[in-house]
Amino acid sequence: MSHDPNCIFCKIAAGTIPSRKVYEDDELIVFHDIAPWAPVHLLIVPKAHIVSHAELTDEHAALAGRMMVLAPKLMREMGVTGGFRTVINTGRDGGQEVMHLHMHVMGGPRPWARG
């Protein structure tokens, strides 16, 4: 599994930086965003260092699918019943701030702070 020692999400996945973790398995870690836009704002992050959505290949299909399937399961567990939003910012022009693939999953009663 690839790892970037300078990447904040790699450090969170390795446990060297704390997070408010809600889920973890061999391939993924999920934690609360530190600057939430919604009452529930989670980040689904692969443990392998993949720079962005644009870097995904056919070999990542199962991982990407697991991320998509995990999102509604976690939202239900967090009590989000009225819908949610998933966002993957890709590259600097796409609004990506941390250069490690991650999916924002946001939900809860409106109005939200942003989005």
N, C-alpha and C. Protein backbone atom coordinates (compact mmCIF):
# COMPACT_ATOMS: atom_id res chain seq x y z
N MET A 1 0.86 -1.18 0.00
CA MET A 1 0.00 0.00 0.00
C MET A 1 0.90 1.23 0.00
N SER A 2 0.62 2.16 -0.90
CA SER A 2 1.44 3.36 -0.98
C SER A 2 1.10 4.32 0.17
N HIS A 3 2.09 5.12 0.52
CA HIS A 3 1.97 6.05 1.65
C HIS A 3 2.87 7.24 1.36
N ASP A 4 2.37 8.45 1.67
CA ASP A 4 3.18 9.66 1.52
C ASP A 4 3.43 10.20 2.94
N PRO A 5 4.67 10.19 3.40
CA PRO A 5 4.95 10.61 4.78
C PRO A 5 4.63 12.08 5.05
N ASN A 6 4.41 12.88 4.02
CA ASN A 6 4.07 14.29 4.21
C ASN A 6 2.58 14.58 4.09
N CYS A 7 1.77 13.56 3.81
CA CYS A 7 0.34 13.73 3.58
C CYS A 7 -0.43 13.63 4.90
N ILE A 8 -1.27 14.62 5.17
CA ILE A 8 -2.03 14.63 6.42
C ILE A 8 -3.00 13.45 6.50
N PHE A 9 -3.62 13.06 5.37
CA PHE A 9 -4.55 11.93 5.41
C PHE A 9 -3.80 10.61 5.60
N CYS A 10 -2.61 10.48 5.05
CA CYS A 10 -1.80 9.28 5.31
C CYS A 10 -1.44 9.22 6.79
N LYS A 11 -1.14 10.37 7.39
CA LYS A 11 -0.81 10.40 8.82
C LYS A 11 -2.03 10.05 9.67
N ILE A 12 -3.21 10.52 9.28
CA ILE A 12 -4.44 10.17 10.01
C ILE A 12 -4.69 8.67 9.88
N ALA A 13 -4.54 8.13 8.67
CA ALA A 13 -4.75 6.69 8.45
C ALA A 13 -3.77 5.86 9.27
N ALA A 14 -2.55 6.35 9.43
CA ALA A 14 -1.53 5.64 10.21
C ALA A 14 -1.71 5.82 11.71
N GLY A 15 -2.58 6.74 12.12
CA GLY A 15 -2.82 6.97 13.54
C GLY A 15 -1.85 7.94 14.19
N THR A 16 -1.01 8.62 13.40
CA THR A 16 -0.06 9.56 13.99
C THR A 16 -0.66 10.95 14.19
N ILE A 17 -1.79 11.22 13.54
CA ILE A 17 -2.57 12.44 13.78
C ILE A 17 -3.96 11.98 14.20
N PRO A 18 -4.48 12.49 15.32
CA PRO A 18 -5.80 12.04 15.77
C PRO A 18 -6.92 12.55 14.87
N SER A 19 -8.03 11.81 14.90
CA SER A 19 -9.23 12.21 14.17
C SER A 19 -10.44 11.71 14.95
N ARG A 20 -11.59 12.24 14.60
CA ARG A 20 -12.85 11.74 15.17
C ARG A 20 -13.35 10.64 14.24
N LYS A 21 -12.75 9.48 14.38
CA LYS A 21 -13.00 8.35 13.49
C LYS A 21 -14.38 7.75 13.73
N VAL A 22 -15.06 7.41 12.61
CA VAL A 22 -16.35 6.74 12.71
C VAL A 22 -16.33 5.35 12.09
N TYR A 23 -15.31 5.06 11.29
CA TYR A 23 -15.23 3.74 10.63
C TYR A 23 -13.79 3.51 10.19
N GLU A 24 -13.37 2.24 10.22
CA GLU A 24 -12.06 1.89 9.70
C GLU A 24 -12.05 0.42 9.34
N ASP A 25 -11.42 0.10 8.22
CA ASP A 25 -11.14 -1.28 7.85
C ASP A 25 -9.76 -1.32 7.22
N ASP A 26 -9.42 -2.39 6.53
CA ASP A 26 -8.07 -2.52 5.96
C ASP A 26 -7.78 -1.50 4.86
N GLU A 27 -8.81 -1.02 4.17
CA GLU A 27 -8.61 -0.13 3.02
C GLU A 27 -9.06 1.30 3.20
N LEU A 28 -10.00 1.53 4.13
CA LEU A 28 -10.62 2.85 4.27
C LEU A 28 -10.61 3.31 5.71
N ILE A 29 -10.58 4.63 5.86
CA ILE A 29 -10.81 5.25 7.16
C ILE A 29 -11.82 6.37 6.93
N VAL A 30 -12.72 6.55 7.88
CA VAL A 30 -13.75 7.58 7.78
C VAL A 30 -13.74 8.37 9.07
N PHE A 31 -13.75 9.70 8.93
CA PHE A 31 -13.72 10.56 10.10
C PHE A 31 -14.48 11.85 9.83
N HIS A 32 -14.81 12.56 10.91
CA HIS A 32 -15.51 13.83 10.79
C HIS A 32 -14.59 14.90 10.23
N ASP A 33 -15.10 15.72 9.33
CA ASP A 33 -14.35 16.85 8.79
C ASP A 33 -14.12 17.86 9.91
N ILE A 34 -12.92 18.46 9.96
CA ILE A 34 -12.63 19.42 11.02
C ILE A 34 -13.27 20.79 10.77
N ALA A 35 -13.75 21.03 9.55
CA ALA A 35 -14.43 22.28 9.23
C ALA A 35 -15.74 21.94 8.51
N PRO A 36 -16.72 21.40 9.24
CA PRO A 36 -17.93 20.87 8.60
C PRO A 36 -18.79 21.94 7.93
N TRP A 37 -19.36 21.52 6.79
CA TRP A 37 -20.31 22.37 6.07
C TRP A 37 -21.75 22.02 6.42
N ALA A 38 -21.95 20.87 7.05
CA ALA A 38 -23.28 20.36 7.36
C ALA A 38 -23.26 19.76 8.76
N PRO A 39 -24.44 19.52 9.35
CA PRO A 39 -24.47 18.93 10.68
C PRO A 39 -23.69 17.61 10.78
N VAL A 40 -23.73 16.80 9.72
CA VAL A 40 -22.90 15.60 9.64
C VAL A 40 -22.04 15.75 8.39
N HIS A 41 -20.73 15.77 8.56
CA HIS A 41 -19.80 15.95 7.43
C HIS A 41 -18.64 15.00 7.65
N LEU A 42 -18.68 13.89 6.91
CA LEU A 42 -17.66 12.86 7.02
C LEU A 42 -16.73 12.89 5.82
N LEU A 43 -15.53 12.38 6.00
CA LEU A 43 -14.59 12.17 4.91
C LEU A 43 -14.31 10.68 4.82
N ILE A 44 -14.52 10.10 3.64
CA ILE A 44 -14.17 8.72 3.38
C ILE A 44 -12.85 8.75 2.62
N VAL A 45 -11.81 8.13 3.21
CA VAL A 45 -10.45 8.26 2.70
C VAL A 45 -9.83 6.87 2.53
N PRO A 46 -9.33 6.57 1.34
CA PRO A 46 -8.57 5.33 1.20
C PRO A 46 -7.27 5.42 1.99
N LYS A 47 -6.85 4.31 2.58
CA LYS A 47 -5.58 4.31 3.31
C LYS A 47 -4.40 4.39 2.35
N ALA A 48 -4.55 3.83 1.16
CA ALA A 48 -3.49 3.93 0.14
C ALA A 48 -3.45 5.37 -0.35
N HIS A 49 -2.26 5.88 -0.56
CA HIS A 49 -2.12 7.26 -1.04
C HIS A 49 -2.39 7.30 -2.55
N ILE A 50 -3.60 7.74 -2.86
CA ILE A 50 -4.02 8.00 -4.24
C ILE A 50 -4.24 9.50 -4.30
N VAL A 51 -3.57 10.18 -5.19
CA VAL A 51 -3.57 11.64 -5.18
C VAL A 51 -4.95 12.23 -5.39
N SER A 52 -5.69 11.74 -6.39
CA SER A 52 -7.00 12.33 -6.67
C SER A 52 -7.86 11.34 -7.43
N HIS A 53 -9.10 11.73 -7.62
CA HIS A 53 -10.06 10.94 -8.40
C HIS A 53 -9.51 10.70 -9.81
N ALA A 54 -8.80 11.66 -10.35
CA ALA A 54 -8.23 11.54 -11.70
C ALA A 54 -7.18 10.44 -11.79
N GLU A 55 -6.64 10.00 -10.66
CA GLU A 55 -5.62 8.96 -10.64
C GLU A 55 -6.20 7.55 -10.55
N LEU A 56 -7.52 7.44 -10.38
CA LEU A 56 -8.13 6.11 -10.28
C LEU A 56 -8.01 5.36 -11.60
N THR A 57 -7.76 4.06 -11.49
CA THR A 57 -7.68 3.18 -12.66
C THR A 57 -8.64 2.01 -12.44
N ASP A 58 -8.71 1.13 -13.41
CA ASP A 58 -9.56 -0.05 -13.28
C ASP A 58 -9.22 -0.86 -12.03
N GLU A 59 -7.98 -0.85 -11.63
CA GLU A 59 -7.58 -1.60 -10.44
C GLU A 59 -8.20 -1.05 -9.16
N HIS A 60 -8.68 0.20 -9.20
CA HIS A 60 -9.30 0.83 -8.03
C HIS A 60 -10.83 0.72 -8.04
N ALA A 61 -11.40 0.02 -9.02
CA ALA A 61 -12.86 -0.01 -9.16
C ALA A 61 -13.56 -0.53 -7.90
N ALA A 62 -13.06 -1.60 -7.33
CA ALA A 62 -13.69 -2.16 -6.13
C ALA A 62 -13.59 -1.19 -4.96
N LEU A 63 -12.45 -0.54 -4.81
CA LEU A 63 -12.27 0.44 -3.73
C LEU A 63 -13.23 1.60 -3.89
N ALA A 64 -13.32 2.15 -5.09
CA ALA A 64 -14.23 3.28 -5.34
C ALA A 64 -15.68 2.86 -5.09
N GLY A 65 -16.02 1.65 -5.50
CA GLY A 65 -17.37 1.14 -5.26
C GLY A 65 -17.66 1.00 -3.78
N ARG A 66 -16.69 0.53 -3.01
CA ARG A 66 -16.87 0.40 -1.57
C ARG A 66 -17.11 1.76 -0.92
N MET A 67 -16.39 2.79 -1.41
CA MET A 67 -16.59 4.15 -0.88
C MET A 67 -18.04 4.59 -1.11
N MET A 68 -18.55 4.35 -2.32
CA MET A 68 -19.91 4.75 -2.66
C MET A 68 -20.96 4.00 -1.84
N VAL A 69 -20.74 2.72 -1.61
CA VAL A 69 -21.68 1.91 -0.84
C VAL A 69 -21.62 2.24 0.65
N LEU A 70 -20.45 2.59 1.13
CA LEU A 70 -20.28 2.91 2.55
C LEU A 70 -20.98 4.22 2.93
N ALA A 71 -21.01 5.18 2.02
CA ALA A 71 -21.59 6.50 2.33
C ALA A 71 -23.02 6.41 2.87
N PRO A 72 -23.98 5.79 2.19
CA PRO A 72 -25.34 5.76 2.74
C PRO A 72 -25.45 4.95 4.03
N LYS A 73 -24.65 3.90 4.15
CA LYS A 73 -24.66 3.10 5.39
C LYS A 73 -24.27 3.97 6.58
N LEU A 74 -23.19 4.73 6.43
CA LEU A 74 -22.74 5.59 7.54
C LEU A 74 -23.72 6.72 7.81
N MET A 75 -24.30 7.28 6.77
CA MET A 75 -25.28 8.35 6.99
C MET A 75 -26.48 7.83 7.79
N ARG A 76 -26.95 6.63 7.46
CA ARG A 76 -28.05 6.04 8.24
C ARG A 76 -27.62 5.86 9.69
N GLU A 77 -26.41 5.34 9.90
CA GLU A 77 -25.91 5.15 11.27
C GLU A 77 -25.78 6.46 12.04
N MET A 78 -25.51 7.55 11.31
CA MET A 78 -25.37 8.87 11.95
C MET A 78 -26.72 9.57 12.12
N GLY A 79 -27.82 8.91 11.72
CA GLY A 79 -29.15 9.46 11.89
C GLY A 79 -29.60 10.39 10.78
N VAL A 80 -28.88 10.43 9.68
CA VAL A 80 -29.25 11.28 8.55
C VAL A 80 -30.28 10.52 7.72
N THR A 81 -31.51 11.04 7.70
CA THR A 81 -32.60 10.35 7.02
C THR A 81 -33.22 11.17 5.88
N GLY A 82 -32.91 12.46 5.80
CA GLY A 82 -33.55 13.32 4.80
C GLY A 82 -32.72 13.55 3.56
N GLY A 83 -31.68 12.78 3.38
CA GLY A 83 -30.81 12.93 2.22
C GLY A 83 -29.43 13.44 2.59
N PHE A 84 -28.52 13.27 1.65
CA PHE A 84 -27.15 13.70 1.88
C PHE A 84 -26.50 14.00 0.54
N ARG A 85 -25.33 14.62 0.60
CA ARG A 85 -24.56 14.97 -0.59
C ARG A 85 -23.20 14.29 -0.52
N THR A 86 -22.74 13.79 -1.68
CA THR A 86 -21.38 13.28 -1.78
C THR A 86 -20.63 14.17 -2.77
N VAL A 87 -19.40 14.51 -2.42
CA VAL A 87 -18.57 15.38 -3.25
C VAL A 87 -17.15 14.85 -3.27
N ILE A 88 -16.58 14.76 -4.47
CA ILE A 88 -15.16 14.45 -4.61
C ILE A 88 -14.54 15.59 -5.41
N ASN A 89 -13.83 16.47 -4.73
CA ASN A 89 -13.11 17.54 -5.42
C ASN A 89 -11.86 16.92 -6.05
N THR A 90 -11.58 17.29 -7.29
CA THR A 90 -10.48 16.65 -8.02
C THR A 90 -9.53 17.70 -8.58
N GLY A 91 -8.31 17.72 -8.08
CA GLY A 91 -7.30 18.67 -8.53
C GLY A 91 -7.53 20.06 -7.98
N ARG A 92 -6.53 20.89 -8.09
CA ARG A 92 -6.62 22.25 -7.55
C ARG A 92 -7.77 23.04 -8.17
N ASP A 93 -7.93 22.94 -9.50
CA ASP A 93 -9.02 23.68 -10.15
C ASP A 93 -10.39 23.12 -9.77
N GLY A 94 -10.42 21.88 -9.29
CA GLY A 94 -11.67 21.27 -8.83
C GLY A 94 -11.93 21.50 -7.36
N GLY A 95 -11.10 22.29 -6.70
CA GLY A 95 -11.30 22.62 -5.29
C GLY A 95 -10.68 21.66 -4.31
N GLN A 96 -9.85 20.73 -4.78
CA GLN A 96 -9.20 19.78 -3.87
C GLN A 96 -8.12 20.50 -3.08
N GLU A 97 -8.19 20.40 -1.75
CA GLU A 97 -7.22 21.07 -0.87
C GLU A 97 -6.17 20.10 -0.35
N VAL A 98 -6.55 18.86 -0.07
CA VAL A 98 -5.60 17.84 0.38
C VAL A 98 -5.41 16.89 -0.80
N MET A 99 -4.18 16.75 -1.24
CA MET A 99 -3.90 15.94 -2.43
C MET A 99 -3.80 14.45 -2.08
N HIS A 100 -4.93 13.95 -1.59
CA HIS A 100 -5.13 12.54 -1.29
C HIS A 100 -6.62 12.32 -1.53
N LEU A 101 -6.97 11.37 -2.38
CA LEU A 101 -8.37 11.10 -2.71
C LEU A 101 -9.21 11.02 -1.44
N HIS A 102 -10.34 11.73 -1.45
CA HIS A 102 -11.28 11.63 -0.35
C HIS A 102 -12.67 12.06 -0.83
N MET A 103 -13.67 11.46 -0.22
CA MET A 103 -15.06 11.77 -0.53
C MET A 103 -15.69 12.47 0.66
N HIS A 104 -16.26 13.64 0.43
CA HIS A 104 -17.05 14.32 1.45
C HIS A 104 -18.45 13.73 1.41
N VAL A 105 -19.01 13.44 2.57
CA VAL A 105 -20.39 12.98 2.68
C VAL A 105 -21.05 13.87 3.71
N MET A 106 -22.03 14.66 3.25
CA MET A 106 -22.62 15.71 4.08
C MET A 106 -24.13 15.53 4.15
N GLY A 107 -24.68 15.67 5.35
CA GLY A 107 -26.12 15.56 5.51
C GLY A 107 -26.58 16.17 6.81
N GLY A 108 -27.87 16.06 7.03
CA GLY A 108 -28.48 16.62 8.22
C GLY A 108 -29.42 17.76 7.86
N PRO A 109 -30.16 18.23 8.84
CA PRO A 109 -31.16 19.27 8.57
C PRO A 109 -30.53 20.54 7.99
N ARG A 110 -31.24 21.16 7.08
CA ARG A 110 -30.81 22.43 6.49
C ARG A 110 -31.28 23.56 7.38
N PRO A 111 -30.71 24.75 7.31
CA PRO A 111 -29.68 25.13 6.35
C PRO A 111 -28.29 24.68 6.80
N TRP A 112 -27.42 24.45 5.83
CA TRP A 112 -26.04 24.08 6.10
C TRP A 112 -25.18 25.34 6.07
N ALA A 113 -24.01 25.25 6.68
CA ALA A 113 -23.08 26.37 6.69
C ALA A 113 -22.68 26.75 5.26
N ARG A 114 -22.45 25.75 4.44
CA ARG A 114 -22.07 25.97 3.03
C ARG A 114 -22.64 24.82 2.22
N GLY A 115 -22.64 24.98 0.92
CA GLY A 115 -23.02 23.90 0.02
C GLY A 115 -24.49 23.77 -0.13
